[in-house]
C-alpha atoms as a PDB file:
ATOM      1  CA  MET A   1      79.795 -11.012 -50.754  1.00  0.00           C
ATOM      2  CA  SER A   2      83.257 -12.231 -49.831  1.00  0.00           C
ATOM      3  CA  GLU A   3      84.620 -12.552 -46.320  1.00  0.00           C
ATOM      4  CA  ARG A   4      86.594  -9.538 -45.225  1.00  0.00           C
ATOM      5  CA  LYS A   5      90.216  -9.775 -44.186  1.00  0.00           C
ATOM      6  CA  PRO A   6      90.437 -10.024 -40.367  1.00  0.00           C
ATOM      7  CA  TYR A   7      91.866  -7.049 -38.528  1.00  0.00           C
ATOM      8  CA  PRO A   8      94.468  -7.471 -35.761  1.00  0.00           C
ATOM      9  CA  GLY A   9      91.949  -6.308 -33.155  1.00  0.00           C
ATOM     10  CA  ASP A  10      89.202  -8.763 -34.104  1.00  0.00           C
ATOM     11  CA  LEU A  11      87.966 -11.220 -31.504  1.00  0.00           C
ATOM     12  CA  SER A  12      89.889 -14.456 -31.315  1.00  0.00           C
ATOM     13  CA  ASP A  13      87.930 -17.706 -31.480  1.00  0.00           C
ATOM     14  CA  ALA A  14      88.529 -18.217 -27.746  1.00  0.00           C
ATOM     15  CA  ARG A  15      87.209 -14.764 -26.812  1.00  0.00           C
ATOM     16  CA  TRP A  16      84.246 -15.100 -29.140  1.00  0.00           C
ATOM     17  CA  GLY A  17      83.527 -18.471 -27.531  1.00  0.00           C
ATOM     18  CA  LEU A  18      83.318 -16.736 -24.142  1.00  0.00           C
ATOM     19  CA  ILE A  19      80.864 -14.045 -25.105  1.00  0.00           C
ATOM     20  CA  LYS A  20      78.773 -15.805 -27.767  1.00  0.00           C
ATOM     21  CA  PRO A  21      76.507 -17.537 -25.192  1.00  0.00           C
ATOM     22  CA  VAL A  22      75.843 -14.202 -23.474  1.00  0.00           C
ATOM     23  CA  ILE A  23      74.870 -12.528 -26.734  1.00  0.00           C
ATOM     24  CA  THR A  24      72.809 -15.519 -27.890  1.00  0.00           C
ATOM     25  CA  ALA A  25      70.885 -15.561 -24.595  1.00  0.00           C
ATOM     26  CA  TRP A  26      70.316 -11.802 -24.825  1.00  0.00           C
ATOM     27  CA  LYS A  27      68.969 -12.123 -28.379  1.00  0.00           C
ATOM     28  CA  GLU A  28      66.574 -14.871 -27.231  1.00  0.00           C
ATOM     29  CA  ARG A  29      65.235 -12.584 -24.480  1.00  0.00           C
ATOM     30  CA  HIS A  30      64.903  -9.654 -26.922  1.00  0.00           C
ATOM     31  CA  PRO A  31      63.345 -10.984 -30.125  1.00  0.00           C
ATOM     32  CA  SER A  32      62.896  -8.622 -33.037  1.00  0.00           C
ATOM     33  CA  VAL A  33      59.480  -7.009 -33.293  1.00  0.00           C
ATOM     34  CA  SER A  34      59.286  -8.046 -36.944  1.00  0.00           C
ATOM     35  CA  GLY A  35      60.456 -11.565 -36.139  1.00  0.00           C
ATOM     36  CA  HIS A  36      63.653 -11.522 -38.222  1.00  0.00           C
ATOM     37  CA  GLN A  37      66.842 -13.009 -36.802  1.00  0.00           C
ATOM     38  CA  GLY A  38      69.046 -10.191 -38.030  1.00  0.00           C
ATOM     39  CA  ALA A  39      70.922  -9.792 -41.274  1.00  0.00           C
ATOM     40  CA  HIS A  40      74.302  -9.231 -39.653  1.00  0.00           C
ATOM     41  CA  ALA A  41      76.635 -11.683 -37.958  1.00  0.00           C
ATOM     42  CA  MET A  42      76.876 -10.871 -34.258  1.00  0.00           C
ATOM     43  CA  ARG A  43      80.630 -11.517 -34.229  1.00  0.00           C
ATOM     44  CA  GLU A  44      81.116  -8.824 -36.884  1.00  0.00           C
ATOM     45  CA  THR A  45      78.936  -6.442 -34.882  1.00  0.00           C
ATOM     46  CA  VAL A  46      81.017  -7.031 -31.754  1.00  0.00           C
ATOM     47  CA  ASN A  47      84.234  -6.571 -33.756  1.00  0.00           C
ATOM     48  CA  ALA A  48      82.872  -3.261 -35.083  1.00  0.00           C
ATOM     49  CA  ILE A  49      81.984  -2.072 -31.553  1.00  0.00           C
ATOM     50  CA  PHE A  50      85.467  -2.941 -30.290  1.00  0.00           C
ATOM     51  CA  TYR A  51      87.013  -1.198 -33.297  1.00  0.00           C
ATOM     52  CA  GLN A  52      85.049   1.973 -32.556  1.00  0.00           C
ATOM     53  CA  SER A  53      86.106   1.795 -28.920  1.00  0.00           C
ATOM     54  CA  ARG A  54      89.791   1.493 -29.841  1.00  0.00           C
ATOM     55  CA  THR A  55      89.865   4.060 -32.639  1.00  0.00           C
ATOM     56  CA  GLY A  56      87.117   6.514 -31.759  1.00  0.00           C
ATOM     57  CA  CYS A  57      85.817   6.574 -35.334  1.00  0.00           C
ATOM     58  CA  GLN A  58      82.284   7.745 -36.051  1.00  0.00           C
ATOM     59  CA  TRP A  59      79.552   5.133 -35.817  1.00  0.00           C
ATOM     60  CA  HIS A  60      78.310   5.724 -39.355  1.00  0.00           C
ATOM     61  CA  TYR A  61      81.642   4.517 -40.771  1.00  0.00           C
ATOM     62  CA  LEU A  62      81.168   1.064 -39.266  1.00  0.00           C
ATOM     63  CA  PRO A  63      79.509  -1.855 -40.998  1.00  0.00           C
ATOM     64  CA  PRO A  64      76.633  -2.628 -40.315  1.00  0.00           C
ATOM     65  CA  LYS A  65      75.966   1.068 -39.723  1.00  0.00           C
ATOM     66  CA  SER A  66      72.774   1.462 -37.728  1.00  0.00           C
ATOM     67  CA  ALA A  67      72.812  -2.049 -36.281  1.00  0.00           C
ATOM     68  CA  THR A  68      76.227  -1.575 -34.669  1.00  0.00           C
ATOM     69  CA  TYR A  69      75.212   1.464 -32.637  1.00  0.00           C
ATOM     70  CA  CYS A  70      71.787  -0.003 -31.906  1.00  0.00           C
ATOM     71  CA  TYR A  71      73.311  -3.106 -30.316  1.00  0.00           C
ATOM     72  CA  PHE A  72      75.908  -1.006 -28.485  1.00  0.00           C
ATOM     73  CA  ALA A  73      73.207   1.203 -26.962  1.00  0.00           C
ATOM     74  CA  ARG A  74      70.835  -1.655 -26.082  1.00  0.00           C
ATOM     75  CA  TRP A  75      73.606  -3.747 -24.514  1.00  0.00           C
ATOM     76  CA  GLY A  76      74.660  -0.732 -22.466  1.00  0.00           C
ATOM     77  CA  ASP A  77      71.086  -0.232 -21.253  1.00  0.00           C
ATOM     78  CA  ASP A  78      70.751  -3.904 -20.304  1.00  0.00           C
ATOM     79  CA  GLY A  79      74.217  -4.242 -18.727  1.00  0.00           C
ATOM     80  CA  ILE A  80      75.395  -6.836 -21.252  1.00  0.00           C
ATOM     81  CA  ASP A  81      78.416  -4.677 -22.072  1.00  0.00           C
ATOM     82  CA  GLN A  82      79.577  -5.035 -18.452  1.00  0.00           C
ATOM     83  CA  VAL A  83      79.074  -8.811 -18.520  1.00  0.00           C
ATOM     84  CA  ILE A  84      81.190  -9.038 -21.692  1.00  0.00           C
ATOM     85  CA  HIS A  85      83.834  -6.784 -20.134  1.00  0.00           C
ATOM     86  CA  GLU A  86      84.023  -8.964 -17.013  1.00  0.00           C
ATOM     87  CA  LEU A  87      84.315 -12.172 -19.043  1.00  0.00           C
ATOM     88  CA  LEU A  88      87.156 -10.806 -21.157  1.00  0.00           C
ATOM     89  CA  LEU A  89      88.896  -9.253 -18.142  1.00  0.00           C
ATOM     90  CA  CYS A  90      88.819 -12.560 -16.280  1.00  0.00           C
ATOM     91  CA  GLN A  91      90.344 -14.310 -19.307  1.00  0.00           C
ATOM     92  CA  VAL A  92      93.139 -11.745 -19.568  1.00  0.00           C
ATOM     93  CA  ARG A  93      93.908 -11.987 -15.842  1.00  0.00           C
ATOM     94  CA  GLU A  94      93.868 -15.791 -16.024  1.00  0.00           C
ATOM     95  CA  ARG A  95      96.311 -15.816 -18.941  1.00  0.00           C
ATOM     96  CA  ALA A  96      98.608 -13.524 -16.969  1.00  0.00           C
ATOM     97  CA  ARG A  97      98.389 -16.060 -14.103  1.00  0.00           C
ATOM     98  CA  ARG A  98      96.692 -13.517 -11.879  1.00  0.00           C
ATOM     99  CA  SER A  99      93.662 -13.932  -9.671  1.00  0.00           C
ATOM    100  CA  GLU A 100      90.328 -13.094 -11.304  1.00  0.00           C
ATOM    101  CA  ASP A 101      89.747 -10.440  -8.664  1.00  0.00           C
ATOM    102  CA  PRO A 102      92.523  -8.080  -7.604  1.00  0.00           C
ATOM    103  CA  THR A 103      93.183  -8.429  -3.891  1.00  0.00           C
ATOM    104  CA  LEU A 104      95.809  -5.772  -3.305  1.00  0.00           C
ATOM    105  CA  LEU A 105      94.707  -2.229  -2.648  1.00  0.00           C
ATOM    106  CA  VAL A 106      97.125   0.670  -2.649  1.00  0.00           C
ATOM    107  CA  PRO A 107      95.289   3.731  -1.373  1.00  0.00           C
ATOM    108  CA  ASP A 108      96.521   7.173  -2.264  1.00  0.00           C
ATOM    109  CA  ALA A 109      96.542  10.158   0.085  1.00  0.00           C
ATOM    110  CA  GLN A 110      93.379  11.658  -1.407  1.00  0.00           C
ATOM    111  CA  SER A 111      91.424   8.443  -0.856  1.00  0.00           C
ATOM    112  CA  VAL A 112      92.605   8.190   2.747  1.00  0.00           C
ATOM    113  CA  HIS A 113      91.617  11.815   3.422  1.00  0.00           C
ATOM    114  CA  ALA A 114      88.217  11.347   1.819  1.00  0.00           C
ATOM    115  CA  ALA A 115      87.549   8.201   3.855  1.00  0.00           C
ATOM    116  CA  ALA A 116      88.539   9.993   7.069  1.00  0.00           C
ATOM    117  CA  GLY A 117      86.289  12.952   6.288  1.00  0.00           C
ATOM    118  CA  VAL A 118      89.152  15.441   5.965  1.00  0.00           C
ATOM    119  CA  PRO A 119      88.058  18.327   3.756  1.00  0.00           C
ATOM    120  CA  ARG A 120      89.948  18.802   0.526  1.00  0.00           C
ATOM    121  CA  PRO A 121      92.152  21.869   0.343  1.00  0.00           C
ATOM    122  CA  ARG A 122      90.721  24.559  -1.877  1.00  0.00           C
ATOM    123  CA  PRO A 123      92.790  25.498  -4.887  1.00  0.00           C
ATOM    124  CA  ALA A 124      94.312  28.960  -4.867  1.00  0.00           C
ATOM    125  CA  ARG A 125      92.215  31.368  -6.853  1.00  0.00           C
ATOM    126  CA  MET A 126      93.813  33.175  -9.705  1.00  0.00           C
ATOM    127  CA  PRO A 127      92.862  36.823 -10.113  1.00  0.00           C
ATOM    128  CA  ARG A 128      90.491  37.371 -12.986  1.00  0.00           C
ATOM    129  CA  ARG A 129      92.108  38.690 -16.117  1.00  0.00           C
ATOM    130  CA  ARG A 130      90.393  41.633 -17.610  1.00  0.00           C
ATOM    131  CA  CYS A 131      89.697  41.730 -21.277  1.00  0.00           C
ATOM    132  CA  ARG A 132      91.806  44.338 -23.010  1.00  0.00           C
ATOM    133  CA  ALA A 133      88.839  45.530 -25.052  1.00  0.00           C
ATOM    134  CA  ALA A 134      86.789  46.078 -21.905  1.00  0.00           C
ATOM    135  CA  SER A 135      89.577  47.961 -20.132  1.00  0.00           C
ATOM    136  CA  GLY A 136      90.115  50.324 -23.041  1.00  0.00           C
ATOM    137  CA  ALA A 137      93.751  49.293 -23.569  1.00  0.00           C
END
C-alpha cells in the first residue's frame, strides 16, 4: 500500500515529536489483550482524530475505522487527550512568544455577579402561544 498524500492539517514532525512519547508510554501501560502491537500507525490515527475534530465527519469514514474511535474514546477516558492538548497549546503559545500560562484575567459582569453571590435576573416570560388547531381557529 502506498503512502497517502499528506493533508494540510496533518501533524508536523515537531508536533508529532511532542506527543509521540505520551502515546508510546500510554500504549506500554495498556498492552493489547491479544498481544499485538497494532496494525495502524499511531501518527495516522492521531491525524484522523484531528481531522474528525476539525471537520465533524462521521467516525466510520476515517481510516482506520474502528481503531480511530477506539483510541479517541480510551484516551478521553484516561485523560491522554488533555495531556496532548496541553502540550500542543504550550507549543503554540511559545511560538507566539507568549507565556505558557495566561496571566491576564478580564472578568465580565456575569462572572463578577456570580462570584459576589448576586442572583441572576430572570428572563421575561413570553406568553404561551396557543395552537390554532386547539383554539378552533
